[in-house]
Each structure stands twice: as structure tokens, then as C-alpha cells.
Amino acid sequence: MKKEIPEKNYLIISKVVKKLKKLYPDLTNSKLRFLESEGLLSPKRALNRYRILL
């Protein structure tokens, strides 16, 4: 059985984009997914399959 990660220790992709939007106004969820596909990000997966960034 997979161990659940406590909610306060991670951010889902949309929250990461929201936090970084002032510094990187062109950042989008799909751009972060692209970085993942290129091996530049390695998000974990929650039990609901959401990407989570620690």
C-alpha cells in the first residue's frame, strides 16, 4: 500500500504555477509538464495521480 504524503508538505502543479506567476508570467501548467517530460522536474504522484512537488 502506498504511503500518503501529508498535505502541507507538497504543492500540486497549479499551486506551483500560481506561486511563481509573478516571477515567470508566461509559466503555465503545460510548461511545467513539458519540463517533466524533458526530465528537468521529477514530481511525485499522489494516490489520486496528481503531480505533487515537494
PDB file of N, CA and C in Angstrom:
ATOM      1  N   MET A   1       0.842  -1.182   0.000  1.00  0.00           N
ATOM      2  CA  MET A   1       0.000   0.000   0.000  1.00  0.00           C
ATOM      3  C   MET A   1       0.887   1.246   0.000  1.00  0.00           C
ATOM      4  N   LYS A   2       0.533   2.211  -0.834  1.00  0.00           N
ATOM      5  CA  LYS A   2       1.324   3.432  -0.923  1.00  0.00           C
ATOM      6  C   LYS A   2       1.101   4.316   0.293  1.00  0.00           C
ATOM      7  N   LYS A   3       2.160   4.981   0.706  1.00  0.00           N
ATOM      8  CA  LYS A   3       2.092   5.890   1.836  1.00  0.00           C
ATOM      9  C   LYS A   3       1.640   7.262   1.345  1.00  0.00           C
ATOM     10  N   GLU A   4       0.635   7.839   2.006  1.00  0.00           N
ATOM     11  CA  GLU A   4       0.162   9.166   1.626  1.00  0.00           C
ATOM     12  C   GLU A   4       1.116  10.226   2.146  1.00  0.00           C
ATOM     13  N   ILE A   5       1.345  11.243   1.356  1.00  0.00           N
ATOM     14  CA  ILE A   5       2.203  12.356   1.745  1.00  0.00           C
ATOM     15  C   ILE A   5       1.328  13.406   2.407  1.00  0.00           C
ATOM     16  N   PRO A   6       1.693  13.873   3.610  1.00  0.00           N
ATOM     17  CA  PRO A   6       0.882  14.891   4.283  1.00  0.00           C
ATOM     18  C   PRO A   6       0.694  16.126   3.403  1.00  0.00           C
ATOM     19  N   GLU A   7      -0.521  16.674   3.405  1.00  0.00           N
ATOM     20  CA  GLU A   7      -0.881  17.766   2.505  1.00  0.00           C
ATOM     21  C   GLU A   7       0.017  18.988   2.626  1.00  0.00           C
ATOM     22  N   LYS A   8       0.459  19.337   3.809  1.00  0.00           N
ATOM     23  CA  LYS A   8       1.228  20.568   3.981  1.00  0.00           C
ATOM     24  C   LYS A   8       2.661  20.478   3.458  1.00  0.00           C
ATOM     25  N   ASN A   9       3.115  19.292   3.071  1.00  0.00           N
ATOM     26  CA  ASN A   9       4.497  19.122   2.628  1.00  0.00           C
ATOM     27  C   ASN A   9       4.685  19.183   1.122  1.00  0.00           C
ATOM     28  N   TYR A  10       3.632  19.474   0.373  1.00  0.00           N
ATOM     29  CA  TYR A  10       3.777  19.497  -1.075  1.00  0.00           C
ATOM     30  C   TYR A  10       2.807  20.484  -1.710  1.00  0.00           C
ATOM     31  N   LEU A  11       3.036  20.751  -2.982  1.00  0.00           N
ATOM     32  CA  LEU A  11       2.142  21.593  -3.776  1.00  0.00           C
ATOM     33  C   LEU A  11       1.765  20.838  -5.041  1.00  0.00           C
ATOM     34  N   ILE A  12       0.526  21.001  -5.456  1.00  0.00           N
ATOM     35  CA  ILE A  12       0.152  20.459  -6.758  1.00  0.00           C
ATOM     36  C   ILE A  12       0.592  21.458  -7.820  1.00  0.00           C
ATOM     37  N   ILE A  13       0.635  21.006  -9.052  1.00  0.00           N
ATOM     38  CA  ILE A  13       1.210  21.786 -10.145  1.00  0.00           C
ATOM     39  C   ILE A  13       0.569  23.176 -10.283  1.00  0.00           C
ATOM     40  N   SER A  14      -0.751  23.264 -10.139  1.00  0.00           N
ATOM     41  CA  SER A  14      -1.424  24.562 -10.304  1.00  0.00           C
ATOM     42  C   SER A  14      -1.032  25.548  -9.212  1.00  0.00           C
ATOM     43  N   LYS A  15      -0.772  25.054  -8.009  1.00  0.00           N
ATOM     44  CA  LYS A  15      -0.339  25.934  -6.910  1.00  0.00           C
ATOM     45  C   LYS A  15       1.089  26.425  -7.143  1.00  0.00           C
ATOM     46  N   VAL A  16       1.935  25.577  -7.709  1.00  0.00           N
ATOM     47  CA  VAL A  16       3.307  25.982  -8.031  1.00  0.00           C
ATOM     48  C   VAL A  16       3.277  27.104  -9.065  1.00  0.00           C
ATOM     49  N   VAL A  17       2.469  26.931 -10.101  1.00  0.00           N
ATOM     50  CA  VAL A  17       2.352  27.957 -11.147  1.00  0.00           C
ATOM     51  C   VAL A  17       1.858  29.266 -10.534  1.00  0.00           C
ATOM     52  N   LYS A  18       0.856  29.179  -9.682  1.00  0.00           N
ATOM     53  CA  LYS A  18       0.301  30.383  -9.043  1.00  0.00           C
ATOM     54  C   LYS A  18       1.361  31.114  -8.220  1.00  0.00           C
ATOM     55  N   LYS A  19       2.177  30.358  -7.466  1.00  0.00           N
ATOM     56  CA  LYS A  19       3.215  30.976  -6.636  1.00  0.00           C
ATOM     57  C   LYS A  19       4.333  31.607  -7.467  1.00  0.00           C
ATOM     58  N   LEU A  20       4.630  31.042  -8.629  1.00  0.00           N
ATOM     59  CA  LEU A  20       5.738  31.532  -9.455  1.00  0.00           C
ATOM     60  C   LEU A  20       5.313  32.532 -10.533  1.00  0.00           C
ATOM     61  N   LYS A  21       4.024  32.797 -10.658  1.00  0.00           N
ATOM     62  CA  LYS A  21       3.497  33.618 -11.748  1.00  0.00           C
ATOM     63  C   LYS A  21       4.091  35.029 -11.775  1.00  0.00           C
ATOM     64  N   LYS A  22       4.351  35.629 -10.616  1.00  0.00           N
ATOM     65  CA  LYS A  22       4.927  36.985 -10.595  1.00  0.00           C
ATOM     66  C   LYS A  22       6.339  37.001 -11.165  1.00  0.00           C
ATOM     67  N   LEU A  23       7.124  36.001 -10.846  1.00  0.00           N
ATOM     68  CA  LEU A  23       8.493  35.921 -11.360  1.00  0.00           C
ATOM     69  C   LEU A  23       8.538  35.459 -12.810  1.00  0.00           C
ATOM     70  N   TYR A  24       7.634  34.567 -13.167  1.00  0.00           N
ATOM     71  CA  TYR A  24       7.610  33.974 -14.507  1.00  0.00           C
ATOM     72  C   TYR A  24       6.193  34.080 -15.081  1.00  0.00           C
ATOM     73  N   PRO A  25       5.816  35.257 -15.590  1.00  0.00           N
ATOM     74  CA  PRO A  25       4.434  35.481 -16.035  1.00  0.00           C
ATOM     75  C   PRO A  25       3.959  34.545 -17.146  1.00  0.00           C
ATOM     76  N   ASP A  26       4.862  33.982 -17.922  1.00  0.00           N
ATOM     77  CA  ASP A  26       4.471  33.081 -19.014  1.00  0.00           C
ATOM     78  C   ASP A  26       4.361  31.618 -18.579  1.00  0.00           C
ATOM     79  N   LEU A  27       4.623  31.329 -17.312  1.00  0.00           N
ATOM     80  CA  LEU A  27       4.589  29.952 -16.819  1.00  0.00           C
ATOM     81  C   LEU A  27       3.155  29.416 -16.812  1.00  0.00           C
ATOM     82  N   THR A  28       2.997  28.191 -17.279  1.00  0.00           N
ATOM     83  CA  THR A  28       1.692  27.520 -17.288  1.00  0.00           C
ATOM     84  C   THR A  28       1.857  26.086 -16.790  1.00  0.00           C
ATOM     85  N   ASN A  29       0.726  25.468 -16.487  1.00  0.00           N
ATOM     86  CA  ASN A  29       0.754  24.059 -16.081  1.00  0.00           C
ATOM     87  C   ASN A  29       1.400  23.201 -17.165  1.00  0.00           C
ATOM     88  N   SER A  30       1.043  23.474 -18.415  1.00  0.00           N
ATOM     89  CA  SER A  30       1.584  22.652 -19.506  1.00  0.00           C
ATOM     90  C   SER A  30       3.089  22.845 -19.669  1.00  0.00           C
ATOM     91  N   LYS A  31       3.590  24.025 -19.370  1.00  0.00           N
ATOM     92  CA  LYS A  31       5.043  24.239 -19.443  1.00  0.00           C
ATOM     93  C   LYS A  31       5.762  23.452 -18.356  1.00  0.00           C
ATOM     94  N   LEU A  32       5.160  23.365 -17.170  1.00  0.00           N
ATOM     95  CA  LEU A  32       5.764  22.534 -16.119  1.00  0.00           C
ATOM     96  C   LEU A  32       5.707  21.058 -16.510  1.00  0.00           C
ATOM     97  N   ARG A  33       4.618  20.628 -17.133  1.00  0.00           N
ATOM     98  CA  ARG A  33       4.533  19.242 -17.607  1.00  0.00           C
ATOM     99  C   ARG A  33       5.586  18.968 -18.678  1.00  0.00           C
ATOM    100  N   PHE A  34       5.851  19.961 -19.524  1.00  0.00           N
ATOM    101  CA  PHE A  34       6.900  19.822 -20.537  1.00  0.00           C
ATOM    102  C   PHE A  34       8.260  19.633 -19.861  1.00  0.00           C
ATOM    103  N   LEU A  35       8.549  20.442 -18.835  1.00  0.00           N
ATOM    104  CA  LEU A  35       9.815  20.297 -18.106  1.00  0.00           C
ATOM    105  C   LEU A  35       9.929  18.900 -17.509  1.00  0.00           C
ATOM    106  N   GLU A  36       8.814  18.359 -17.036  1.00  0.00           N
ATOM    107  CA  GLU A  36       8.812  16.993 -16.521  1.00  0.00           C
ATOM    108  C   GLU A  36       9.135  16.003 -17.643  1.00  0.00           C
ATOM    109  N   SER A  37       8.526  16.186 -18.809  1.00  0.00           N
ATOM    110  CA  SER A  37       8.765  15.258 -19.925  1.00  0.00           C
ATOM    111  C   SER A  37      10.207  15.301 -20.412  1.00  0.00           C
ATOM    112  N   GLU A  38      10.870  16.430 -20.213  1.00  0.00           N
ATOM    113  CA  GLU A  38      12.276  16.571 -20.594  1.00  0.00           C
ATOM    114  C   GLU A  38      13.228  16.093 -19.493  1.00  0.00           C
ATOM    115  N   GLY A  39      12.679  15.650 -18.366  1.00  0.00           N
ATOM    116  CA  GLY A  39      13.496  15.144 -17.269  1.00  0.00           C
ATOM    117  C   GLY A  39      14.062  16.221 -16.367  1.00  0.00           C
ATOM    118  N   LEU A  40      13.559  17.449 -16.482  1.00  0.00           N
ATOM    119  CA  LEU A  40      14.074  18.555 -15.675  1.00  0.00           C
ATOM    120  C   LEU A  40      13.342  18.705 -14.347  1.00  0.00           C
ATOM    121  N   LEU A  41      12.173  18.108 -14.226  1.00  0.00           N
ATOM    122  CA  LEU A  41      11.406  18.054 -12.979  1.00  0.00           C
ATOM    123  C   LEU A  41      11.040  16.603 -12.728  1.00  0.00           C
ATOM    124  N   SER A  42      10.981  16.234 -11.463  1.00  0.00           N
ATOM    125  CA  SER A  42      10.589  14.866 -11.118  1.00  0.00           C
ATOM    126  C   SER A  42       9.527  14.887 -10.029  1.00  0.00           C
ATOM    127  N   PRO A  43       8.301  15.289 -10.379  1.00  0.00           N
ATOM    128  CA  PRO A  43       7.264  15.312  -9.352  1.00  0.00           C
ATOM    129  C   PRO A  43       6.864  13.905  -8.936  1.00  0.00           C
ATOM    130  N   LYS A  44       6.449  13.774  -7.703  1.00  0.00           N
ATOM    131  CA  LYS A  44       5.895  12.514  -7.210  1.00  0.00           C
ATOM    132  C   LYS A  44       4.441  12.472  -7.641  1.00  0.00           C
ATOM    133  N   ARG A  45       3.784  11.358  -7.413  1.00  0.00           N
ATOM    134  CA  ARG A  45       2.360  11.227  -7.727  1.00  0.00           C
ATOM    135  C   ARG A  45       1.596  10.931  -6.442  1.00  0.00           C
ATOM    136  N   ALA A  46       0.516  11.658  -6.240  1.00  0.00           N
ATOM    137  CA  ALA A  46      -0.374  11.399  -5.112  1.00  0.00           C
ATOM    138  C   ALA A  46      -1.205  10.157  -5.434  1.00  0.00           C
ATOM    139  N   LEU A  47      -1.933   9.662  -4.462  1.00  0.00           N
ATOM    140  CA  LEU A  47      -2.770   8.489  -4.690  1.00  0.00           C
ATOM    141  C   LEU A  47      -3.811   8.745  -5.774  1.00  0.00           C
ATOM    142  N   ASN A  48      -4.230   9.998  -5.931  1.00  0.00           N
ATOM    143  CA  ASN A  48      -5.200  10.345  -6.972  1.00  0.00           C
ATOM    144  C   ASN A  48      -4.522  10.646  -8.303  1.00  0.00           C
ATOM    145  N   ARG A  49      -3.221  10.385  -8.405  1.00  0.00           N
ATOM    146  CA  ARG A  49      -2.389  10.548  -9.607  1.00  0.00           C
ATOM    147  C   ARG A  49      -2.037  11.996  -9.926  1.00  0.00           C
ATOM    148  N   TYR A  50      -2.377  12.942  -9.053  1.00  0.00           N
ATOM    149  CA  TYR A  50      -1.955  14.327  -9.248  1.00  0.00           C
ATOM    150  C   TYR A  50      -0.446  14.395  -9.118  1.00  0.00           C
ATOM    151  N   ARG A  51       0.169  15.273  -9.883  1.00  0.00           N
ATOM    152  CA  ARG A  51       1.597  15.535  -9.711  1.00  0.00           C
ATOM    153  C   ARG A  51       1.750  16.384  -8.452  1.00  0.00           C
ATOM    154  N   ILE A  52       2.711  16.020  -7.617  1.00  0.00           N
ATOM    155  CA  ILE A  52       2.978  16.817  -6.423  1.00  0.00           C
ATOM    156  C   ILE A  52       4.455  17.156  -6.382  1.00  0.00           C
ATOM    157  N   LEU A  53       4.740  18.376  -6.038  1.00  0.00           N
ATOM    158  CA  LEU A  53       6.116  18.854  -5.981  1.00  0.00           C
ATOM    159  C   LEU A  53       6.467  19.119  -4.530  1.00  0.00           C
ATOM    160  N   LEU A  54       7.529  18.495  -4.079  1.00  0.00           N
ATOM    161  CA  LEU A  54       7.943  18.612  -2.679  1.00  0.00           C
ATOM    162  C   LEU A  54       8.845  19.790  -2.468  1.00  0.00           C
TER     163      LEU A  54
END
